[in-house]
Structures are given as C-alpha cells and as structure tokens.
Amino acid sequence: MSVFPIRFLMLTLIAVHSDSFAAGEQEQQLSLLIRQLDTLDTLMQQASRYEAPESNTRYRFDYPRLTQDIQRIRQGVQGYLSPSRAQPRDPSELVGEYRLDTPSAESLP
C-alpha cells in the first residue's frame, strides 16, 4: 500500500477541518458584531434623550440617520448568517454623514 493516498487523505481532512473551524469562528465573530450593534443602538438611544432640541449649537448629531445605518448593517450581517433564497441586493449605500445644521435664531419666524 502506498503512503501517498494516506498522506493525501490526512491533508484533505486537515484542510476541511480548518476551513470549517474558520467558518465557525467567522460566524461567532459576526454574532458578536450583532450584539455590539445592539449595544451601540442602546447607547445611542440613551444619548439622544439628553440632546436638547432647542439648544443654541450650530450642529447637532443626526441620531435617526445613524439608527438607519445601524439597522442596515445589522440586516446585512443577519442576512449572511441566515440566508434566505437568492434575492436581489439592495443597492442603497450608507449615508455616513451625521451632522445636521440647526437653524439660527435669526432665520426663525
């Protein structure tokens, strides 16, 4: 009996096992990302409660836009972790700009 087929079989088993380990680890990391997004969402909601709507600041943080982007990221990761049948991708992109200009007191009626 040749040694080659045994070595080939062993290398194949090692490669398959390491690939499945990497995929399992990747799924664990993505699950961790979902939990971190949930935490970020909670922290952001708490921070938005402390923002004074009538403050005299020129800019304010756009919490609703950030909420939408977090939701899109969460949906993308969850879609990867539990894929459904093949469907067209949503081509919309993240906005990424979260600063809003607040109207000055002079421009208000």
PDB file of N, CA and C in Angstrom:
ATOM      1  N   MET A   1       0.847  -1.182   0.000  1.00  0.00           N
ATOM      2  CA  MET A   1       0.000   0.000   0.000  1.00  0.00           C
ATOM      3  C   MET A   1       0.884   1.234   0.000  1.00  0.00           C
ATOM      4  N   SER A   2       0.548   2.168  -0.828  1.00  0.00           N
ATOM      5  CA  SER A   2       1.338   3.379  -0.964  1.00  0.00           C
ATOM      6  C   SER A   2       1.037   4.346   0.176  1.00  0.00           C
ATOM      7  N   VAL A   3       2.020   5.142   0.556  1.00  0.00           N
ATOM      8  CA  VAL A   3       1.882   6.132   1.615  1.00  0.00           C
ATOM      9  C   VAL A   3       1.198   7.382   1.069  1.00  0.00           C
ATOM     10  N   PHE A   4       1.301   7.622  -0.215  1.00  0.00           N
ATOM     11  CA  PHE A   4       0.736   8.824  -0.819  1.00  0.00           C
ATOM     12  C   PHE A   4      -0.767   8.988  -0.552  1.00  0.00           C
ATOM     13  N   PRO A   5      -1.618   7.971  -0.797  1.00  0.00           N
ATOM     14  CA  PRO A   5      -3.050   8.166  -0.557  1.00  0.00           C
ATOM     15  C   PRO A   5      -3.369   8.478   0.914  1.00  0.00           C
ATOM     16  N   ILE A   6      -2.630   7.898   1.848  1.00  0.00           N
ATOM     17  CA  ILE A   6      -2.881   8.155   3.259  1.00  0.00           C
ATOM     18  C   ILE A   6      -2.522   9.601   3.595  1.00  0.00           C
ATOM     19  N   ARG A   7      -1.391  10.048   3.096  1.00  0.00           N
ATOM     20  CA  ARG A   7      -0.994  11.440   3.336  1.00  0.00           C
ATOM     21  C   ARG A   7      -1.989  12.409   2.693  1.00  0.00           C
ATOM     22  N   PHE A   8      -2.401  12.084   1.490  1.00  0.00           N
ATOM     23  CA  PHE A   8      -3.367  12.932   0.800  1.00  0.00           C
ATOM     24  C   PHE A   8      -4.671  13.002   1.587  1.00  0.00           C
ATOM     25  N   LEU A   9      -5.149  11.869   2.080  1.00  0.00           N
ATOM     26  CA  LEU A   9      -6.374  11.825   2.863  1.00  0.00           C
ATOM     27  C   LEU A   9      -6.233  12.650   4.152  1.00  0.00           C
ATOM     28  N   MET A  10      -5.099  12.523   4.818  1.00  0.00           N
ATOM     29  CA  MET A  10      -4.870  13.264   6.055  1.00  0.00           C
ATOM     30  C   MET A  10      -4.827  14.773   5.789  1.00  0.00           C
ATOM     31  N   LEU A  11      -4.131  15.164   4.733  1.00  0.00           N
ATOM     32  CA  LEU A  11      -4.074  16.586   4.399  1.00  0.00           C
ATOM     33  C   LEU A  11      -5.452  17.130   4.023  1.00  0.00           C
ATOM     34  N   THR A  12      -6.228  16.323   3.321  1.00  0.00           N
ATOM     35  CA  THR A  12      -7.572  16.736   2.955  1.00  0.00           C
ATOM     36  C   THR A  12      -8.442  16.916   4.193  1.00  0.00           C
ATOM     37  N   LEU A  13      -8.364  15.979   5.132  1.00  0.00           N
ATOM     38  CA  LEU A  13      -9.144  16.098   6.369  1.00  0.00           C
ATOM     39  C   LEU A  13      -8.729  17.312   7.180  1.00  0.00           C
ATOM     40  N   ILE A  14      -7.438  17.589   7.235  1.00  0.00           N
ATOM     41  CA  ILE A  14      -6.948  18.760   7.968  1.00  0.00           C
ATOM     42  C   ILE A  14      -7.452  20.034   7.305  1.00  0.00           C
ATOM     43  N   ALA A  15      -7.397  20.087   5.977  1.00  0.00           N
ATOM     44  CA  ALA A  15      -7.851  21.281   5.258  1.00  0.00           C
ATOM     45  C   ALA A  15      -9.344  21.505   5.460  1.00  0.00           C
ATOM     46  N   VAL A  16     -10.140  20.443   5.376  1.00  0.00           N
ATOM     47  CA  VAL A  16     -11.588  20.570   5.554  1.00  0.00           C
ATOM     48  C   VAL A  16     -11.899  20.990   6.988  1.00  0.00           C
ATOM     49  N   HIS A  17     -11.212  20.406   7.958  1.00  0.00           N
ATOM     50  CA  HIS A  17     -11.448  20.747   9.365  1.00  0.00           C
ATOM     51  C   HIS A  17     -11.064  22.197   9.630  1.00  0.00           C
ATOM     52  N   SER A  18      -9.928  22.658   9.099  1.00  0.00           N
ATOM     53  CA  SER A  18      -9.515  24.039   9.349  1.00  0.00           C
ATOM     54  C   SER A  18     -10.455  25.031   8.667  1.00  0.00           C
ATOM     55  N   ASP A  19     -10.981  24.676   7.481  1.00  0.00           N
ATOM     56  CA  ASP A  19     -11.941  25.553   6.816  1.00  0.00           C
ATOM     57  C   ASP A  19     -13.237  25.650   7.607  1.00  0.00           C
ATOM     58  N   SER A  20     -13.719  24.532   8.141  1.00  0.00           N
ATOM     59  CA  SER A  20     -14.961  24.576   8.914  1.00  0.00           C
ATOM     60  C   SER A  20     -14.743  25.314  10.225  1.00  0.00           C
ATOM     61  N   PHE A  21     -13.544  25.216  10.802  1.00  0.00           N
ATOM     62  CA  PHE A  21     -13.241  25.951  12.020  1.00  0.00           C
ATOM     63  C   PHE A  21     -13.232  27.441  11.731  1.00  0.00           C
ATOM     64  N   ALA A  22     -12.617  27.828  10.619  1.00  0.00           N
ATOM     65  CA  ALA A  22     -12.560  29.250  10.255  1.00  0.00           C
ATOM     66  C   ALA A  22     -13.966  29.787   9.997  1.00  0.00           C
ATOM     67  N   ALA A  23     -14.814  29.002   9.314  1.00  0.00           N
ATOM     68  CA  ALA A  23     -16.183  29.442   9.048  1.00  0.00           C
ATOM     69  C   ALA A  23     -16.963  29.562  10.350  1.00  0.00           C
ATOM     70  N   GLY A  24     -16.791  28.607  11.256  1.00  0.00           N
ATOM     71  CA  GLY A  24     -17.469  28.680  12.548  1.00  0.00           C
ATOM     72  C   GLY A  24     -17.002  29.869  13.363  1.00  0.00           C
ATOM     73  N   GLU A  25     -15.711  30.139  13.324  1.00  0.00           N
ATOM     74  CA  GLU A  25     -15.167  31.288  14.040  1.00  0.00           C
ATOM     75  C   GLU A  25     -15.687  32.589  13.434  1.00  0.00           C
ATOM     76  N   GLN A  26     -15.779  32.638  12.118  1.00  0.00           N
ATOM     77  CA  GLN A  26     -16.299  33.834  11.447  1.00  0.00           C
ATOM     78  C   GLN A  26     -17.753  34.081  11.856  1.00  0.00           C
ATOM     79  N   GLU A  27     -18.544  33.024  11.921  1.00  0.00           N
ATOM     80  CA  GLU A  27     -19.945  33.185  12.330  1.00  0.00           C
ATOM     81  C   GLU A  27     -20.038  33.655  13.780  1.00  0.00           C
ATOM     82  N   GLN A  28     -19.142  33.176  14.635  1.00  0.00           N
ATOM     83  CA  GLN A  28     -19.120  33.641  16.026  1.00  0.00           C
ATOM     84  C   GLN A  28     -18.778  35.122  16.077  1.00  0.00           C
ATOM     85  N   GLN A  29     -17.811  35.546  15.266  1.00  0.00           N
ATOM     86  CA  GLN A  29     -17.428  36.952  15.245  1.00  0.00           C
ATOM     87  C   GLN A  29     -18.574  37.822  14.732  1.00  0.00           C
ATOM     88  N   LEU A  30     -19.294  37.337  13.725  1.00  0.00           N
ATOM     89  CA  LEU A  30     -20.423  38.100  13.200  1.00  0.00           C
ATOM     90  C   LEU A  30     -21.572  38.150  14.210  1.00  0.00           C
ATOM     91  N   SER A  31     -21.769  37.080  14.968  1.00  0.00           N
ATOM     92  CA  SER A  31     -22.778  37.096  16.029  1.00  0.00           C
ATOM     93  C   SER A  31     -22.388  38.102  17.108  1.00  0.00           C
ATOM     94  N   LEU A  32     -21.100  38.162  17.419  1.00  0.00           N
ATOM     95  CA  LEU A  32     -20.604  39.150  18.369  1.00  0.00           C
ATOM     96  C   LEU A  32     -20.843  40.562  17.832  1.00  0.00           C
ATOM     97  N   LEU A  33     -20.634  40.752  16.537  1.00  0.00           N
ATOM     98  CA  LEU A  33     -20.882  42.059  15.919  1.00  0.00           C
ATOM     99  C   LEU A  33     -22.352  42.466  16.075  1.00  0.00           C
ATOM    100  N   ILE A  34     -23.274  41.524  15.908  1.00  0.00           N
ATOM    101  CA  ILE A  34     -24.703  41.818  16.086  1.00  0.00           C
ATOM    102  C   ILE A  34     -24.959  42.287  17.515  1.00  0.00           C
ATOM    103  N   ARG A  35     -24.369  41.600  18.498  1.00  0.00           N
ATOM    104  CA  ARG A  35     -24.558  42.012  19.897  1.00  0.00           C
ATOM    105  C   ARG A  35     -23.964  43.397  20.136  1.00  0.00           C
ATOM    106  N   GLN A  36     -22.822  43.685  19.522  1.00  0.00           N
ATOM    107  CA  GLN A  36     -22.210  45.002  19.681  1.00  0.00           C
ATOM    108  C   GLN A  36     -23.062  46.090  19.022  1.00  0.00           C
ATOM    109  N   LEU A  37     -23.659  45.785  17.885  1.00  0.00           N
ATOM    110  CA  LEU A  37     -24.567  46.737  17.242  1.00  0.00           C
ATOM    111  C   LEU A  37     -25.781  46.990  18.127  1.00  0.00           C
ATOM    112  N   ASP A  38     -26.289  45.946  18.784  1.00  0.00           N
ATOM    113  CA  ASP A  38     -27.410  46.120  19.711  1.00  0.00           C
ATOM    114  C   ASP A  38     -27.006  47.045  20.859  1.00  0.00           C
ATOM    115  N   THR A  39     -25.798  46.848  21.383  1.00  0.00           N
ATOM    116  CA  THR A  39     -25.299  47.701  22.466  1.00  0.00           C
ATOM    117  C   THR A  39     -25.138  49.139  21.984  1.00  0.00           C
ATOM    118  N   LEU A  40     -24.570  49.299  20.801  1.00  0.00           N
ATOM    119  CA  LEU A  40     -24.406  50.635  20.229  1.00  0.00           C
ATOM    120  C   LEU A  40     -25.753  51.318  20.033  1.00  0.00           C
ATOM    121  N   ASP A  41     -26.721  50.581  19.569  1.00  0.00           N
ATOM    122  CA  ASP A  41     -28.061  51.128  19.370  1.00  0.00           C
ATOM    123  C   ASP A  41     -28.653  51.594  20.702  1.00  0.00           C
ATOM    124  N   THR A  42     -28.490  50.790  21.739  1.00  0.00           N
ATOM    125  CA  THR A  42     -28.989  51.161  23.071  1.00  0.00           C
ATOM    126  C   THR A  42     -28.294  52.416  23.587  1.00  0.00           C
ATOM    127  N   LEU A  43     -26.962  52.467  23.458  1.00  0.00           N
ATOM    128  CA  LEU A  43     -26.210  53.639  23.913  1.00  0.00           C
ATOM    129  C   LEU A  43     -26.606  54.894  23.141  1.00  0.00           C
ATOM    130  N   MET A  44     -26.821  54.735  21.867  1.00  0.00           N
ATOM    131  CA  MET A  44     -27.198  55.869  21.038  1.00  0.00           C
ATOM    132  C   MET A  44     -28.578  56.388  21.422  1.00  0.00           C
ATOM    133  N   GLN A  45     -29.509  55.485  21.716  1.00  0.00           N
ATOM    134  CA  GLN A  45     -30.846  55.905  22.137  1.00  0.00           C
ATOM    135  C   GLN A  45     -30.780  56.651  23.464  1.00  0.00           C
ATOM    136  N   GLN A  46     -29.923  56.180  24.368  1.00  0.00           N
ATOM    137  CA  GLN A  46     -29.762  56.873  25.647  1.00  0.00           C
ATOM    138  C   GLN A  46     -29.169  58.261  25.432  1.00  0.00           C
ATOM    139  N   ALA A  47     -28.172  58.366  24.572  1.00  0.00           N
ATOM    140  CA  ALA A  47     -27.535  59.659  24.314  1.00  0.00           C
ATOM    141  C   ALA A  47     -28.505  60.626  23.651  1.00  0.00           C
ATOM    142  N   SER A  48     -29.359  60.131  22.785  1.00  0.00           N
ATOM    143  CA  SER A  48     -30.294  61.018  22.081  1.00  0.00           C
ATOM    144  C   SER A  48     -31.315  61.627  23.033  1.00  0.00           C
ATOM    145  N   ARG A  49     -31.585  60.977  24.151  1.00  0.00           N
ATOM    146  CA  ARG A  49     -32.531  61.526  25.126  1.00  0.00           C
ATOM    147  C   ARG A  49     -31.992  62.782  25.796  1.00  0.00           C
ATOM    148  N   TYR A  50     -30.670  62.908  25.868  1.00  0.00           N
ATOM    149  CA  TYR A  50     -30.052  64.040  26.552  1.00  0.00           C
ATOM    150  C   TYR A  50     -29.811  65.235  25.638  1.00  0.00           C
ATOM    151  N   GLU A  51     -30.102  65.089  24.359  1.00  0.00           N
ATOM    152  CA  GLU A  51     -29.903  66.202  23.439  1.00  0.00           C
ATOM    153  C   GLU A  51     -31.066  67.177  23.570  1.00  0.00           C
ATOM    154  N   ALA A  52     -30.734  68.419  23.825  1.00  0.00           N
ATOM    155  CA  ALA A  52     -31.762  69.451  23.955  1.00  0.00           C
ATOM    156  C   ALA A  52     -32.159  69.929  22.562  1.00  0.00           C
ATOM    157  N   PRO A  53     -33.424  69.779  22.180  1.00  0.00           N
ATOM    158  CA  PRO A  53     -33.835  70.177  20.831  1.00  0.00           C
ATOM    159  C   PRO A  53     -33.719  71.675  20.576  1.00  0.00           C
ATOM    160  N   GLU A  54     -33.802  72.497  21.621  1.00  0.00           N
ATOM    161  CA  GLU A  54     -33.726  73.943  21.431  1.00  0.00           C
ATOM    162  C   GLU A  54     -32.353  74.501  21.780  1.00  0.00           C
ATOM    163  N   SER A  55     -31.326  73.686  21.721  1.00  0.00           N
ATOM    164  CA  SER A  55     -30.002  74.191  22.093  1.00  0.00           C
ATOM    165  C   SER A  55     -29.505  75.190  21.050  1.00  0.00           C
ATOM    166  N   ASN A  56     -28.580  76.067  21.467  1.00  0.00           N
ATOM    167  CA  ASN A  56     -28.050  77.105  20.586  1.00  0.00           C
ATOM    168  C   ASN A  56     -26.833  76.640  19.796  1.00  0.00           C
ATOM    169  N   THR A  57     -26.637  75.364  19.688  1.00  0.00           N
ATOM    170  CA  THR A  57     -25.493  74.866  18.931  1.00  0.00           C
ATOM    171  C   THR A  57     -25.774  74.950  17.439  1.00  0.00           C
ATOM    172  N   ARG A  58     -24.713  75.126  16.693  1.00  0.00           N
ATOM    173  CA  ARG A  58     -24.867  75.237  15.240  1.00  0.00           C
ATOM    174  C   ARG A  58     -25.142  73.871  14.618  1.00  0.00           C
ATOM    175  N   TYR A  59     -24.539  72.837  15.173  1.00  0.00           N
ATOM    176  CA  TYR A  59     -24.714  71.490  14.651  1.00  0.00           C
ATOM    177  C   TYR A  59     -25.285  70.599  15.735  1.00  0.00           C
ATOM    178  N   ARG A  60     -25.975  69.576  15.306  1.00  0.00           N
ATOM    179  CA  ARG A  60     -26.419  68.547  16.229  1.00  0.00           C
ATOM    180  C   ARG A  60     -26.231  67.186  15.552  1.00  0.00           C
ATOM    181  N   PHE A  61     -26.163  66.152  16.348  1.00  0.00           N
ATOM    182  CA  PHE A  61     -25.931  64.810  15.829  1.00  0.00           C
ATOM    183  C   PHE A  61     -27.237  64.249  15.263  1.00  0.00           C
ATOM    184  N   ASP A  62     -27.166  63.618  14.097  1.00  0.00           N
ATOM    185  CA  ASP A  62     -28.341  63.070  13.426  1.00  0.00           C
ATOM    186  C   ASP A  62     -28.554  61.617  13.875  1.00  0.00           C
ATOM    187  N   TYR A  63     -29.197  61.449  15.024  1.00  0.00           N
ATOM    188  CA  TYR A  63     -29.430  60.123  15.581  1.00  0.00           C
ATOM    189  C   TYR A  63     -30.319  59.243  14.691  1.00  0.00           C
ATOM    190  N   PRO A  64     -31.383  59.768  14.106  1.00  0.00           N
ATOM    191  CA  PRO A  64     -32.205  58.907  13.233  1.00  0.00           C
ATOM    192  C   PRO A  64     -31.425  58.328  12.049  1.00  0.00           C
ATOM    193  N   ARG A  65     -30.540  59.111  11.473  1.00  0.00           N
ATOM    194  CA  ARG A  65     -29.758  58.615  10.339  1.00  0.00           C
ATOM    195  C   ARG A  65     -28.801  57.512  10.787  1.00  0.00           C
ATOM    196  N   LEU A  66     -28.185  57.692  11.947  1.00  0.00           N
ATOM    197  CA  LEU A  66     -27.301  56.651  12.476  1.00  0.00           C
ATOM    198  C   LEU A  66     -28.094  55.382  12.781  1.00  0.00           C
ATOM    199  N   THR A  67     -29.291  55.534  13.303  1.00  0.00           N
ATOM    200  CA  THR A  67     -30.149  54.374  13.584  1.00  0.00           C
ATOM    201  C   THR A  67     -30.431  53.595  12.301  1.00  0.00           C
ATOM    202  N   GLN A  68     -30.712  54.303  11.220  1.00  0.00           N
ATOM    203  CA  GLN A  68     -30.976  53.644   9.938  1.00  0.00           C
ATOM    204  C   GLN A  68     -29.744  52.876   9.449  1.00  0.00           C
ATOM    205  N   ASP A  69     -28.561  53.490   9.585  1.00  0.00           N
ATOM    206  CA  ASP A  69     -27.339  52.818   9.133  1.00  0.00           C
ATOM    207  C   ASP A  69     -27.029  51.585   9.985  1.00  0.00           C
ATOM    208  N   ILE A  70     -27.227  51.688  11.285  1.00  0.00           N
ATOM    209  CA  ILE A  70     -27.000  50.526  12.159  1.00  0.00           C
ATOM    210  C   ILE A  70     -27.960  49.407  11.773  1.00  0.00           C
ATOM    211  N   GLN A  71     -29.199  49.747  11.494  1.00  0.00           N
ATOM    212  CA  GLN A  71     -30.186  48.741  11.090  1.00  0.00           C
ATOM    213  C   GLN A  71     -29.772  48.074   9.779  1.00  0.00           C
ATOM    214  N   ARG A  72     -29.265  48.858   8.824  1.00  0.00           N
ATOM    215  CA  ARG A  72     -28.818  48.275   7.541  1.00  0.00           C
ATOM    216  C   ARG A  72     -27.653  47.309   7.744  1.00  0.00           C
ATOM    217  N   ILE A  73     -26.710  47.692   8.598  1.00  0.00           N
ATOM    218  CA  ILE A  73     -25.575  46.807   8.875  1.00  0.00           C
ATOM    219  C   ILE A  73     -26.071  45.533   9.539  1.00  0.00           C
ATOM    220  N   ARG A  74     -26.960  45.680  10.523  1.00  0.00           N
ATOM    221  CA  ARG A  74     -27.498  44.515  11.231  1.00  0.00           C
ATOM    222  C   ARG A  74     -28.210  43.573  10.259  1.00  0.00           C
ATOM    223  N   GLN A  75     -29.017  44.135   9.367  1.00  0.00           N
ATOM    224  CA  GLN A  75     -29.732  43.317   8.385  1.00  0.00           C
ATOM    225  C   GLN A  75     -28.764  42.582   7.462  1.00  0.00           C
ATOM    226  N   GLY A  76     -27.687  43.260   7.055  1.00  0.00           N
ATOM    227  CA  GLY A  76     -26.709  42.620   6.187  1.00  0.00           C
ATOM    228  C   GLY A  76     -26.009  41.455   6.861  1.00  0.00           C
ATOM    229  N   VAL A  77     -25.615  41.630   8.107  1.00  0.00           N
ATOM    230  CA  VAL A  77     -24.934  40.552   8.841  1.00  0.00           C
ATOM    231  C   VAL A  77     -25.912  39.413   9.111  1.00  0.00           C
ATOM    232  N   GLN A  78     -27.133  39.735   9.535  1.00  0.00           N
ATOM    233  CA  GLN A  78     -28.122  38.694   9.789  1.00  0.00           C
ATOM    234  C   GLN A  78     -28.478  37.958   8.502  1.00  0.00           C
ATOM    235  N   GLY A  79     -28.519  38.674   7.391  1.00  0.00           N
ATOM    236  CA  GLY A  79     -28.776  38.036   6.105  1.00  0.00           C
ATOM    237  C   GLY A  79     -27.681  37.057   5.724  1.00  0.00           C
ATOM    238  N   TYR A  80     -26.449  37.375   6.105  1.00  0.00           N
ATOM    239  CA  TYR A  80     -25.336  36.458   5.836  1.00  0.00           C
ATOM    240  C   TYR A  80     -25.416  35.239   6.758  1.00  0.00           C
ATOM    241  N   LEU A  81     -25.733  35.478   8.030  1.00  0.00           N
ATOM    242  CA  LEU A  81     -25.766  34.382   8.996  1.00  0.00           C
ATOM    243  C   LEU A  81     -26.929  33.429   8.757  1.00  0.00           C
ATOM    244  N   SER A  82     -28.043  33.929   8.278  1.00  0.00           N
ATOM    245  CA  SER A  82     -29.197  33.066   7.994  1.00  0.00           C
ATOM    246  C   SER A  82     -29.763  33.452   6.636  1.00  0.00           C
ATOM    247  N   PRO A  83     -29.085  33.030   5.577  1.00  0.00           N
ATOM    248  CA  PRO A  83     -29.505  33.442   4.230  1.00  0.00           C
ATOM    249  C   PRO A  83     -30.840  32.819   3.834  1.00  0.00           C
ATOM    250  N   SER A  84     -31.596  33.573   3.089  1.00  0.00           N
ATOM    251  CA  SER A  84     -32.829  33.068   2.510  1.00  0.00           C
ATOM    252  C   SER A  84     -32.539  32.720   1.052  1.00  0.00           C
ATOM    253  N   ARG A  85     -33.586  32.480   0.319  1.00  0.00           N
ATOM    254  CA  ARG A  85     -33.374  32.217  -1.102  1.00  0.00           C
ATOM    255  C   ARG A  85     -32.704  33.413  -1.747  1.00  0.00           C
ATOM    256  N   ALA A  86     -32.023  33.170  -2.832  1.00  0.00           N
ATOM    257  CA  ALA A  86     -31.325  34.246  -3.529  1.00  0.00           C
ATOM    258  C   ALA A  86     -32.319  35.307  -3.974  1.00  0.00           C
ATOM    259  N   GLN A  87     -32.041  36.537  -3.571  1.00  0.00           N
ATOM    260  CA  GLN A  87     -32.880  37.658  -3.942  1.00  0.00           C
ATOM    261  C   GLN A  87     -31.975  38.807  -4.346  1.00  0.00           C
ATOM    262  N   PRO A  88     -32.513  39.761  -5.078  1.00  0.00           N
ATOM    263  CA  PRO A  88     -31.681  40.896  -5.497  1.00  0.00           C
ATOM    264  C   PRO A  88     -31.188  41.680  -4.285  1.00  0.00           C
ATOM    265  N   ARG A  89     -29.993  42.194  -4.413  1.00  0.00           N
ATOM    266  CA  ARG A  89     -29.406  43.001  -3.340  1.00  0.00           C
ATOM    267  C   ARG A  89     -29.995  44.403  -3.358  1.00  0.00           C
ATOM    268  N   ASP A  90     -30.029  45.019  -2.194  1.00  0.00           N
ATOM    269  CA  ASP A  90     -30.479  46.401  -2.060  1.00  0.00           C
ATOM    270  C   ASP A  90     -29.285  47.301  -2.385  1.00  0.00           C
ATOM    271  N   PRO A  91     -29.351  48.089  -3.447  1.00  0.00           N
ATOM    272  CA  PRO A  91     -28.179  48.864  -3.863  1.00  0.00           C
ATOM    273  C   PRO A  91     -27.934  50.143  -3.061  1.00  0.00           C
ATOM    274  N   SER A  92     -28.795  50.489  -2.117  1.00  0.00           N
ATOM    275  CA  SER A  92     -28.593  51.745  -1.396  1.00  0.00           C
ATOM    276  C   SER A  92     -27.357  51.653  -0.506  1.00  0.00           C
ATOM    277  N   GLU A  93     -26.727  52.776  -0.299  1.00  0.00           N
ATOM    278  CA  GLU A  93     -25.487  52.839   0.461  1.00  0.00           C
ATOM    279  C   GLU A  93     -25.724  53.517   1.795  1.00  0.00           C
ATOM    280  N   LEU A  94     -24.774  53.308   2.708  1.00  0.00           N
ATOM    281  CA  LEU A  94     -24.828  54.009   3.983  1.00  0.00           C
ATOM    282  C   LEU A  94     -24.582  55.487   3.750  1.00  0.00           C
ATOM    283  N   VAL A  95     -25.180  56.311   4.553  1.00  0.00           N
ATOM    284  CA  VAL A  95     -25.037  57.751   4.390  1.00  0.00           C
ATOM    285  C   VAL A  95     -23.716  58.216   4.963  1.00  0.00           C
ATOM    286  N   GLY A  96     -23.465  57.916   6.230  1.00  0.00           N
ATOM    287  CA  GLY A  96     -22.189  58.234   6.848  1.00  0.00           C
ATOM    288  C   GLY A  96     -22.022  59.668   7.314  1.00  0.00           C
ATOM    289  N   GLU A  97     -22.929  60.558   7.041  1.00  0.00           N
ATOM    290  CA  GLU A  97     -22.826  61.960   7.469  1.00  0.00           C
ATOM    291  C   GLU A  97     -23.888  62.183   8.537  1.00  0.00           C
ATOM    292  N   TYR A  98     -23.455  62.492   9.768  1.00  0.00           N
ATOM    293  CA  TYR A  98     -24.388  62.560  10.885  1.00  0.00           C
ATOM    294  C   TYR A  98     -24.460  63.946  11.527  1.00  0.00           C
ATOM    295  N   ARG A  99     -23.982  64.948  10.877  1.00  0.00           N
ATOM    296  CA  ARG A  99     -24.036  66.303  11.424  1.00  0.00           C
ATOM    297  C   ARG A  99     -25.124  67.080  10.693  1.00  0.00           C
ATOM    298  N   LEU A 100     -26.037  67.672  11.447  1.00  0.00           N
ATOM    299  CA  LEU A 100     -27.119  68.476  10.876  1.00  0.00           C
ATOM    300  C   LEU A 100     -26.908  69.926  11.260  1.00  0.00           C
ATOM    301  N   ASP A 101     -27.159  70.825  10.332  1.00  0.00           N
ATOM    302  CA  ASP A 101     -27.153  72.248  10.647  1.00  0.00           C
ATOM    303  C   ASP A 101     -28.459  72.575  11.355  1.00  0.00           C
ATOM    304  N   THR A 102     -28.370  73.291  12.448  1.00  0.00           N
ATOM    305  CA  THR A 102     -29.585  73.731  13.129  1.00  0.00           C
ATOM    306  C   THR A 102     -29.886  75.152  12.686  1.00  0.00           C
ATOM    307  N   PRO A 103     -31.146  75.462  12.507  1.00  0.00           N
ATOM    308  CA  PRO A 103     -31.496  76.820  12.047  1.00  0.00           C
ATOM    309  C   PRO A 103     -31.095  77.852  13.107  1.00  0.00           C
ATOM    310  N   SER A 104     -30.577  78.971  12.664  1.00  0.00           N
ATOM    311  CA  SER A 104     -30.189  80.030  13.598  1.00  0.00           C
ATOM    312  C   SER A 104     -31.443  80.733  14.101  1.00  0.00           C
ATOM    313  N   ALA A 105     -31.301  81.400  15.231  1.00  0.00           N
ATOM    314  CA  ALA A 105     -32.431  82.119  15.827  1.00  0.00           C
ATOM    315  C   ALA A 105     -32.913  83.245  14.915  1.00  0.00           C
ATOM    316  N   GLU A 106     -32.015  83.806  14.108  1.00  0.00           N
ATOM    317  CA  GLU A 106     -32.387  84.908  13.210  1.00  0.00           C
ATOM    318  C   GLU A 106     -33.307  84.440  12.084  1.00  0.00           C
ATOM    319  N   SER A 107     -33.133  83.187  11.628  1.00  0.00           N
ATOM    320  CA  SER A 107     -33.925  82.719  10.500  1.00  0.00           C
ATOM    321  C   SER A 107     -35.285  82.164  10.921  1.00  0.00           C
ATOM    322  N   LEU A 108     -35.510  82.019  12.213  1.00  0.00           N
ATOM    323  CA  LEU A 108     -36.793  81.529  12.683  1.00  0.00           C
ATOM    324  C   LEU A 108     -37.815  82.648  12.694  1.00  0.00           C
ATOM    325  N   PRO A 109     -39.075  82.396  12.314  1.00  0.00           N
ATOM    326  CA  PRO A 109     -40.106  83.459  12.297  1.00  0.00           C
ATOM    327  C   PRO A 109     -40.521  83.892  13.680  1.00  0.00           C
TER     328      PRO A 109
END
